[in-house]
Structure formats: C-alpha cells, structure tokens
C-alpha cells in the first residue's frame, strides 16, 4: 500500500487597487493576490498550511507581501 501526498498552492486574484507603488513611486494599479498552501492526500487538498497575501505593481512588476489585515482593508475595485 502506498500514499500519494504533497503540498498544493492555489493563487487567487483578490482584486485591483489604485495606489502609489512602494518601489517605483508611480500611481498605478496594484494587483492583490492570495496564495493558500494546503496539504493534499491523493490529490485532494485537506489541511490548510499557510495563507499569504501579496501586492504587485502593474507598472514596474515589483511584488511584495502584505499582511492579511492590510489586504482586507484595501478598497478593492
């Protein structure tokens, strides 16, 4: 008997906000994404391991992590 297990990361786009980029300083659209990693058994995601939020500038492409409270507080449109 054998088990097939592993980790699976799913990336969801939470929305887009208009802000000044921390990296380039331009006022551009910032894409908010949520990455959730889950333990999977037989290709079925079972146990959530971690969830991370990121913000990416559409002008320069810089991406940086943000906290969950910051992601929920942003006025997503």
PDB file of N, CA and C in Angstrom:
ATOM      1  N   UNK A   1       0.845  -1.168   0.000  1.00  0.00           N
ATOM      2  CA  UNK A   1       0.000   0.000   0.000  1.00  0.00           C
ATOM      3  C   UNK A   1       0.900   1.243   0.000  1.00  0.00           C
ATOM      4  N   UNK A   2       0.491   2.258  -0.722  1.00  0.00           N
ATOM      5  CA  UNK A   2       1.255   3.493  -0.788  1.00  0.00           C
ATOM      6  C   UNK A   2       0.310   4.677  -0.736  1.00  0.00           C
ATOM      7  N   UNK A   3       0.877   5.816  -0.347  1.00  0.00           N
ATOM      8  CA  UNK A   3       0.115   7.054  -0.244  1.00  0.00           C
ATOM      9  C   UNK A   3       0.740   8.093  -1.170  1.00  0.00           C
ATOM     10  N   UNK A   4      -0.124   8.853  -1.817  1.00  0.00           N
ATOM     11  CA  UNK A   4       0.327   9.963  -2.648  1.00  0.00           C
ATOM     12  C   UNK A   4      -0.047  11.236  -1.898  1.00  0.00           C
ATOM     13  N   UNK A   5       0.973  11.986  -1.475  1.00  0.00           N
ATOM     14  CA  UNK A   5       0.712  13.206  -0.724  1.00  0.00           C
ATOM     15  C   UNK A   5       1.651  14.300  -1.190  1.00  0.00           C
ATOM     16  N   UNK A   6       1.328  15.527  -0.789  1.00  0.00           N
ATOM     17  CA  UNK A   6       2.162  16.658  -1.155  1.00  0.00           C
ATOM     18  C   UNK A   6       1.529  17.967  -0.744  1.00  0.00           C
ATOM     19  N   UNK A   7       2.057  19.054  -1.254  1.00  0.00           N
ATOM     20  CA  UNK A   7       1.540  20.385  -0.992  1.00  0.00           C
ATOM     21  C   UNK A   7       1.056  20.997  -2.295  1.00  0.00           C
ATOM     22  N   UNK A   8      -0.046  21.691  -2.209  1.00  0.00           N
ATOM     23  CA  UNK A   8      -0.599  22.364  -3.380  1.00  0.00           C
ATOM     24  C   UNK A   8      -0.847  23.822  -3.027  1.00  0.00           C
ATOM     25  N   UNK A   9      -0.366  24.720  -3.880  1.00  0.00           N
ATOM     26  CA  UNK A   9      -0.561  26.148  -3.672  1.00  0.00           C
ATOM     27  C   UNK A   9      -1.519  26.676  -4.724  1.00  0.00           C
ATOM     28  N   UNK A  10      -2.535  27.368  -4.260  1.00  0.00           N
ATOM     29  CA  UNK A  10      -3.528  27.960  -5.149  1.00  0.00           C
ATOM     30  C   UNK A  10      -3.422  29.479  -5.038  1.00  0.00           C
ATOM     31  N   UNK A  11      -3.364  30.150  -6.181  1.00  0.00           N
ATOM     32  CA  UNK A  11      -3.246  31.609  -6.224  1.00  0.00           C
ATOM     33  C   UNK A  11      -4.570  32.178  -6.704  1.00  0.00           C
ATOM     34  N   UNK A  12      -5.168  33.033  -5.872  1.00  0.00           N
ATOM     35  CA  UNK A  12      -6.425  33.700  -6.216  1.00  0.00           C
ATOM     36  C   UNK A  12      -6.184  35.196  -6.316  1.00  0.00           C
ATOM     37  N   UNK A  13      -6.731  35.787  -7.350  1.00  0.00           N
ATOM     38  CA  UNK A  13      -6.639  37.242  -7.504  1.00  0.00           C
ATOM     39  C   UNK A  13      -7.777  37.868  -6.711  1.00  0.00           C
ATOM     40  N   UNK A  14      -7.436  38.627  -5.678  1.00  0.00           N
ATOM     41  CA  UNK A  14      -8.438  39.235  -4.807  1.00  0.00           C
ATOM     42  C   UNK A  14      -9.017  40.512  -5.382  1.00  0.00           C
ATOM     43  N   UNK A  15      -8.232  41.241  -6.155  1.00  0.00           N
ATOM     44  CA  UNK A  15      -8.731  42.472  -6.746  1.00  0.00           C
ATOM     45  C   UNK A  15      -7.609  43.388  -7.185  1.00  0.00           C
ATOM     46  N   UNK A  16      -8.001  44.594  -7.581  1.00  0.00           N
ATOM     47  CA  UNK A  16      -7.052  45.596  -8.069  1.00  0.00           C
ATOM     48  C   UNK A  16      -7.366  46.911  -7.371  1.00  0.00           C
ATOM     49  N   UNK A  17      -6.332  47.586  -6.893  1.00  0.00           N
ATOM     50  CA  UNK A  17      -6.483  48.902  -6.274  1.00  0.00           C
ATOM     51  C   UNK A  17      -5.554  49.884  -6.974  1.00  0.00           C
ATOM     52  N   UNK A  18      -5.904  51.166  -6.933  1.00  0.00           N
ATOM     53  CA  UNK A  18      -5.065  52.231  -7.486  1.00  0.00           C
ATOM     54  C   UNK A  18      -4.295  52.855  -6.332  1.00  0.00           C
ATOM     55  N   UNK A  19      -2.959  52.677  -6.329  1.00  0.00           N
ATOM     56  CA  UNK A  19      -2.119  53.214  -5.269  1.00  0.00           C
ATOM     57  C   UNK A  19      -0.766  53.623  -5.832  1.00  0.00           C
ATOM     58  N   UNK A  20      -0.008  54.305  -4.997  1.00  0.00           N
ATOM     59  CA  UNK A  20       1.377  54.639  -5.336  1.00  0.00           C
ATOM     60  C   UNK A  20       2.236  53.440  -4.964  1.00  0.00           C
ATOM     61  N   UNK A  21       3.070  53.004  -5.902  1.00  0.00           N
ATOM     62  CA  UNK A  21       3.935  51.844  -5.694  1.00  0.00           C
ATOM     63  C   UNK A  21       5.052  52.185  -4.715  1.00  0.00           C
ATOM     64  N   UNK A  22       5.356  51.266  -3.824  1.00  0.00           N
ATOM     65  CA  UNK A  22       6.444  51.461  -2.863  1.00  0.00           C
ATOM     66  C   UNK A  22       7.803  51.428  -3.551  1.00  0.00           C
ATOM     67  N   UNK A  23       7.886  50.710  -4.661  1.00  0.00           N
ATOM     68  CA  UNK A  23       9.166  50.514  -5.331  1.00  0.00           C
ATOM     69  C   UNK A  23       9.492  51.630  -6.322  1.00  0.00           C
ATOM     70  N   UNK A  24       8.578  51.887  -7.261  1.00  0.00           N
ATOM     71  CA  UNK A  24       8.872  52.864  -8.326  1.00  0.00           C
ATOM     72  C   UNK A  24       8.287  54.247  -8.067  1.00  0.00           C
ATOM     73  N   UNK A  25       7.311  54.357  -7.171  1.00  0.00           N
ATOM     74  CA  UNK A  25       6.728  55.652  -6.839  1.00  0.00           C
ATOM     75  C   UNK A  25       5.671  56.145  -7.804  1.00  0.00           C
ATOM     76  N   UNK A  26       5.289  55.340  -8.790  1.00  0.00           N
ATOM     77  CA  UNK A  26       4.251  55.723  -9.752  1.00  0.00           C
ATOM     78  C   UNK A  26       2.874  55.348  -9.224  1.00  0.00           C
ATOM     79  N   UNK A  27       1.889  56.158  -9.592  1.00  0.00           N
ATOM     80  CA  UNK A  27       0.497  55.848  -9.241  1.00  0.00           C
ATOM     81  C   UNK A  27      -0.026  54.893 -10.304  1.00  0.00           C
ATOM     82  N   UNK A  28      -0.204  53.623  -9.930  1.00  0.00           N
ATOM     83  CA  UNK A  28      -0.608  52.596 -10.896  1.00  0.00           C
ATOM     84  C   UNK A  28      -1.502  51.576 -10.209  1.00  0.00           C
ATOM     85  N   UNK A  29      -2.071  50.711 -11.003  1.00  0.00           N
ATOM     86  CA  UNK A  29      -2.909  49.635 -10.467  1.00  0.00           C
ATOM     87  C   UNK A  29      -2.034  48.628  -9.732  1.00  0.00           C
ATOM     88  N   UNK A  30      -2.506  48.194  -8.579  1.00  0.00           N
ATOM     89  CA  UNK A  30      -1.807  47.197  -7.770  1.00  0.00           C
ATOM     90  C   UNK A  30      -2.715  45.971  -7.671  1.00  0.00           C
ATOM     91  N   UNK A  31      -2.217  44.817  -8.084  1.00  0.00           N
ATOM     92  CA  UNK A  31      -2.994  43.577  -8.061  1.00  0.00           C
ATOM     93  C   UNK A  31      -2.766  42.898  -6.715  1.00  0.00           C
ATOM     94  N   UNK A  32      -3.858  42.582  -6.029  1.00  0.00           N
ATOM     95  CA  UNK A  32      -3.800  41.904  -4.736  1.00  0.00           C
ATOM     96  C   UNK A  32      -4.080  40.422  -4.975  1.00  0.00           C
ATOM     97  N   UNK A  33      -3.157  39.561  -4.527  1.00  0.00           N
ATOM     98  CA  UNK A  33      -3.335  38.115  -4.690  1.00  0.00           C
ATOM     99  C   UNK A  33      -3.242  37.418  -3.339  1.00  0.00           C
ATOM    100  N   UNK A  34      -3.915  36.271  -3.246  1.00  0.00           N
ATOM    101  CA  UNK A  34      -3.870  35.443  -2.048  1.00  0.00           C
ATOM    102  C   UNK A  34      -3.336  34.072  -2.443  1.00  0.00           C
ATOM    103  N   UNK A  35      -2.279  33.624  -1.766  1.00  0.00           N
ATOM    104  CA  UNK A  35      -1.688  32.306  -2.011  1.00  0.00           C
ATOM    105  C   UNK A  35      -1.987  31.430  -0.810  1.00  0.00           C
ATOM    106  N   UNK A  36      -2.734  30.367  -1.031  1.00  0.00           N
ATOM    107  CA  UNK A  36      -3.043  29.453   0.063  1.00  0.00           C
ATOM    108  C   UNK A  36      -2.425  28.088  -0.247  1.00  0.00           C
ATOM    109  N   UNK A  37      -1.635  27.587   0.683  1.00  0.00           N
ATOM    110  CA  UNK A  37      -0.966  26.303   0.545  1.00  0.00           C
ATOM    111  C   UNK A  37      -1.670  25.286   1.434  1.00  0.00           C
ATOM    112  N   UNK A  38      -1.993  24.128   0.844  1.00  0.00           N
ATOM    113  CA  UNK A  38      -2.702  23.077   1.586  1.00  0.00           C
ATOM    114  C   UNK A  38      -1.998  21.742   1.416  1.00  0.00           C
ATOM    115  N   UNK A  39      -2.053  20.933   2.455  1.00  0.00           N
ATOM    116  CA  UNK A  39      -1.562  19.560   2.394  1.00  0.00           C
ATOM    117  C   UNK A  39      -2.600  18.738   1.645  1.00  0.00           C
ATOM    118  N   UNK A  40      -2.154  17.948   0.676  1.00  0.00           N
ATOM    119  CA  UNK A  40      -3.098  17.143  -0.104  1.00  0.00           C
ATOM    120  C   UNK A  40      -2.743  15.661   0.005  1.00  0.00           C
ATOM    121  N   UNK A  41      -3.775  14.857   0.026  1.00  0.00           N
ATOM    122  CA  UNK A  41      -3.641  13.406   0.082  1.00  0.00           C
ATOM    123  C   UNK A  41      -4.450  12.837  -1.073  1.00  0.00           C
ATOM    124  N   UNK A  42      -3.797  12.075  -1.935  1.00  0.00           N
ATOM    125  CA  UNK A  42      -4.426  11.536  -3.153  1.00  0.00           C
ATOM    126  C   UNK A  42      -5.043  12.658  -3.990  1.00  0.00           C
ATOM    127  N   UNK A  43      -4.294  13.774  -4.128  1.00  0.00           N
ATOM    128  CA  UNK A  43      -4.668  14.927  -4.946  1.00  0.00           C
ATOM    129  C   UNK A  43      -5.895  15.672  -4.427  1.00  0.00           C
ATOM    130  N   UNK A  44      -6.277  15.446  -3.166  1.00  0.00           N
ATOM    131  CA  UNK A  44      -7.394  16.153  -2.546  1.00  0.00           C
ATOM    132  C   UNK A  44      -6.827  17.080  -1.479  1.00  0.00           C
ATOM    133  N   UNK A  45      -6.976  18.407  -1.624  1.00  0.00           N
ATOM    134  CA  UNK A  45      -6.461  19.333  -0.607  1.00  0.00           C
ATOM    135  C   UNK A  45      -7.248  19.178   0.694  1.00  0.00           C
ATOM    136  N   UNK A  46      -6.533  18.917   1.800  1.00  0.00           N
ATOM    137  CA  UNK A  46      -7.191  18.640   3.069  1.00  0.00           C
ATOM    138  C   UNK A  46      -6.930  19.689   4.142  1.00  0.00           C
ATOM    139  N   UNK A  47      -5.667  19.922   4.479  1.00  0.00           N
ATOM    140  CA  UNK A  47      -5.321  20.741   5.631  1.00  0.00           C
ATOM    141  C   UNK A  47      -4.632  22.026   5.159  1.00  0.00           C
ATOM    142  N   UNK A  48      -5.194  23.194   5.503  1.00  0.00           N
ATOM    143  CA  UNK A  48      -4.508  24.441   5.135  1.00  0.00           C
ATOM    144  C   UNK A  48      -3.229  24.610   5.955  1.00  0.00           C
ATOM    145  N   UNK A  49      -2.137  24.900   5.269  1.00  0.00           N
ATOM    146  CA  UNK A  49      -0.845  25.074   5.918  1.00  0.00           C
ATOM    147  C   UNK A  49      -0.576  26.551   6.187  1.00  0.00           C
ATOM    148  N   UNK A  50      -0.683  27.398   5.137  1.00  0.00           N
ATOM    149  CA  UNK A  50      -0.464  28.825   5.308  1.00  0.00           C
ATOM    150  C   UNK A  50      -1.185  29.602   4.205  1.00  0.00           C
ATOM    151  N   UNK A  51      -1.430  30.858   4.505  1.00  0.00           N
ATOM    152  CA  UNK A  51      -2.039  31.776   3.548  1.00  0.00           C
ATOM    153  C   UNK A  51      -1.227  33.063   3.559  1.00  0.00           C
ATOM    154  N   UNK A  52      -0.836  33.501   2.376  1.00  0.00           N
ATOM    155  CA  UNK A  52      -0.062  34.726   2.237  1.00  0.00           C
ATOM    156  C   UNK A  52      -0.741  35.660   1.252  1.00  0.00           C
ATOM    157  N   UNK A  53      -0.571  36.947   1.480  1.00  0.00           N
ATOM    158  CA  UNK A  53      -1.133  37.965   0.610  1.00  0.00           C
ATOM    159  C   UNK A  53       0.002  38.766  -0.002  1.00  0.00           C
ATOM    160  N   UNK A  54      -0.162  39.126  -1.270  1.00  0.00           N
ATOM    161  CA  UNK A  54       0.872  39.890  -1.972  1.00  0.00           C
ATOM    162  C   UNK A  54       0.229  40.998  -2.789  1.00  0.00           C
ATOM    163  N   UNK A  55       1.028  42.019  -3.041  1.00  0.00           N
ATOM    164  CA  UNK A  55       0.599  43.154  -3.850  1.00  0.00           C
ATOM    165  C   UNK A  55       1.638  43.343  -4.945  1.00  0.00           C
ATOM    166  N   UNK A  56       1.190  43.445  -6.202  1.00  0.00           N
ATOM    167  CA  UNK A  56       2.110  43.582  -7.325  1.00  0.00           C
ATOM    168  C   UNK A  56       1.738  44.800  -8.152  1.00  0.00           C
ATOM    169  N   UNK A  57       2.752  45.599  -8.455  1.00  0.00           N
ATOM    170  CA  UNK A  57       2.570  46.798  -9.269  1.00  0.00           C
ATOM    171  C   UNK A  57       2.471  46.401 -10.740  1.00  0.00           C
ATOM    172  N   UNK A  58       1.488  46.950 -11.443  1.00  0.00           N
ATOM    173  CA  UNK A  58       1.343  46.647 -12.865  1.00  0.00           C
ATOM    174  C   UNK A  58       2.276  47.505 -13.726  1.00  0.00           C
ATOM    175  N   UNK A  59       2.867  48.545 -13.146  1.00  0.00           N
ATOM    176  CA  UNK A  59       3.768  49.412 -13.909  1.00  0.00           C
ATOM    177  C   UNK A  59       5.189  48.846 -13.950  1.00  0.00           C
ATOM    178  N   UNK A  60       5.752  48.525 -12.770  1.00  0.00           N
ATOM    179  CA  UNK A  60       7.142  48.063 -12.721  1.00  0.00           C
ATOM    180  C   UNK A  60       7.262  46.564 -12.448  1.00  0.00           C
ATOM    181  N   UNK A  61       6.186  45.916 -11.993  1.00  0.00           N
ATOM    182  CA  UNK A  61       6.216  44.483 -11.739  1.00  0.00           C
ATOM    183  C   UNK A  61       6.727  44.091 -10.372  1.00  0.00           C
ATOM    184  N   UNK A  62       7.055  45.067  -9.527  1.00  0.00           N
ATOM    185  CA  UNK A  62       7.539  44.759  -8.178  1.00  0.00           C
ATOM    186  C   UNK A  62       6.423  44.102  -7.368  1.00  0.00           C
ATOM    187  N   UNK A  63       6.796  43.069  -6.618  1.00  0.00           N
ATOM    188  CA  UNK A  63       5.819  42.350  -5.807  1.00  0.00           C
ATOM    189  C   UNK A  63       6.341  42.261  -4.377  1.00  0.00           C
ATOM    190  N   UNK A  64       5.464  42.505  -3.422  1.00  0.00           N
ATOM    191  CA  UNK A  64       5.850  42.425  -2.026  1.00  0.00           C
ATOM    192  C   UNK A  64       4.680  41.896  -1.214  1.00  0.00           C
ATOM    193  N   UNK A  65       5.005  41.242  -0.107  1.00  0.00           N
ATOM    194  CA  UNK A  65       3.984  40.657   0.754  1.00  0.00           C
ATOM    195  C   UNK A  65       3.335  41.737   1.612  1.00  0.00           C
ATOM    196  N   UNK A  66       2.053  41.555   1.869  1.00  0.00           N
ATOM    197  CA  UNK A  66       1.315  42.431   2.769  1.00  0.00           C
ATOM    198  C   UNK A  66       0.609  41.561   3.787  1.00  0.00           C
ATOM    199  N   UNK A  67       0.225  42.138   4.889  1.00  0.00           N
ATOM    200  CA  UNK A  67      -0.453  41.373   5.932  1.00  0.00           C
ATOM    201  C   UNK A  67      -1.916  41.147   5.549  1.00  0.00           C
ATOM    202  N   UNK A  68      -2.549  40.216   6.239  1.00  0.00           N
ATOM    203  CA  UNK A  68      -3.948  39.904   5.977  1.00  0.00           C
ATOM    204  C   UNK A  68      -4.833  41.099   6.269  1.00  0.00           C
ATOM    205  N   UNK A  69      -4.531  41.810   7.356  1.00  0.00           N
ATOM    206  CA  UNK A  69      -5.352  42.980   7.714  1.00  0.00           C
ATOM    207  C   UNK A  69      -5.224  44.078   6.667  1.00  0.00           C
ATOM    208  N   UNK A  70      -4.012  44.267   6.101  1.00  0.00           N
ATOM    209  CA  UNK A  70      -3.835  45.254   5.028  1.00  0.00           C
ATOM    210  C   UNK A  70      -4.595  44.846   3.778  1.00  0.00           C
ATOM    211  N   UNK A  71      -4.575  43.563   3.444  1.00  0.00           N
ATOM    212  CA  UNK A  71      -5.280  43.076   2.253  1.00  0.00           C
ATOM    213  C   UNK A  71      -6.787  43.256   2.389  1.00  0.00           C
ATOM    214  N   UNK A  72      -7.310  43.032   3.582  1.00  0.00           N
ATOM    215  CA  UNK A  72      -8.750  43.174   3.785  1.00  0.00           C
ATOM    216  C   UNK A  72      -9.170  44.645   3.872  1.00  0.00           C
ATOM    217  N   UNK A  73      -8.257  45.505   4.289  1.00  0.00           N
ATOM    218  CA  UNK A  73      -8.557  46.920   4.473  1.00  0.00           C
ATOM    219  C   UNK A  73      -8.532  47.703   3.155  1.00  0.00           C
ATOM    220  N   UNK A  74      -7.813  47.204   2.152  1.00  0.00           N
ATOM    221  CA  UNK A  74      -7.694  47.923   0.884  1.00  0.00           C
ATOM    222  C   UNK A  74      -9.036  48.002   0.164  1.00  0.00           C
ATOM    223  N   UNK A  75      -9.359  49.162  -0.407  1.00  0.00           N
ATOM    224  CA  UNK A  75     -10.616  49.314  -1.144  1.00  0.00           C
ATOM    225  C   UNK A  75     -10.502  48.670  -2.534  1.00  0.00           C
ATOM    226  N   UNK A  76     -10.792  47.398  -2.613  1.00  0.00           N
ATOM    227  CA  UNK A  76     -10.647  46.644  -3.864  1.00  0.00           C
ATOM    228  C   UNK A  76     -11.798  47.010  -4.793  1.00  0.00           C
ATOM    229  N   UNK A  77     -11.453  47.285  -6.056  1.00  0.00           N
ATOM    230  CA  UNK A  77     -12.476  47.656  -7.020  1.00  0.00           C
ATOM    231  C   UNK A  77     -12.355  46.885  -8.290  1.00  0.00           C
TER     232      UNK A  77
END
